[in-house]
Amino acid sequence: MKKTLVLMTAACLLLFPLEGQTGGVSREVEQAFAEANLPVLRQRVFPPDFSLPLLEGGNISLSALKGKVVLLNFWATWCPPCRAEMPSMETLYRRFKNRNFEILAVDFAERPADVQRFVRSNNYSFPVALDSSGKVSGLYGVRSIPTTYILDRDGRIIHRMAGSLDWNNRKIAGAIETLLKSGS
């Protein structure tokens, strides 16, 4: 019972940010994210680490991305909102990829050949990981896709959202820029 209560409390902290309590992000980052309608979580927590195969070969672990701002996106090729936001994710990736920014798109339980065909036909260059069993998506409590987490350079979650976005939005790009310039 105690373990369940702790897990439920942690989930609530992730899902329900409280204004003015941002777990250590700078006021500038908090303001930039608020202006982009991306509220900063009340407490920044470290997400579970994982290792998954990459679509183009090899493996990637989330912990290997520490030191970078990470947009962690759970998606699938059959999901219309996922497909709709991917072009703007690619634009954001190309804009910031040489500045300690990474996108990791985690495909949910599809055949690698289908994912590869989709990624290649759309010329997406950000890394795509394959969660064939859905285990990592389950570990992150993904109930709908797309679901996206933004992690600071320390590897902590500062924002979580379900649903698609236009990531090429000027205010969102400004929030990412501010986070990249900040110390965390």
Foldseek 3Di string as FASTA:
>chain_A
DVVVVVVVVVVCQQPPADPPQQADDDPLLQVLCVVVVFHWGNHWDAADWDKFAWLVGDIDILVVLQQAKEKEKEAEPVDVQVVVQQVLVQVLCVVCVVLRYAYEYEYAQDDSVVVVVVCVVVVRDGIYGYPNVCVVVVSVVPPAPTKIFIAANRNTTTGIDHTHDNCNDPSNSVSSVVSSPDPD
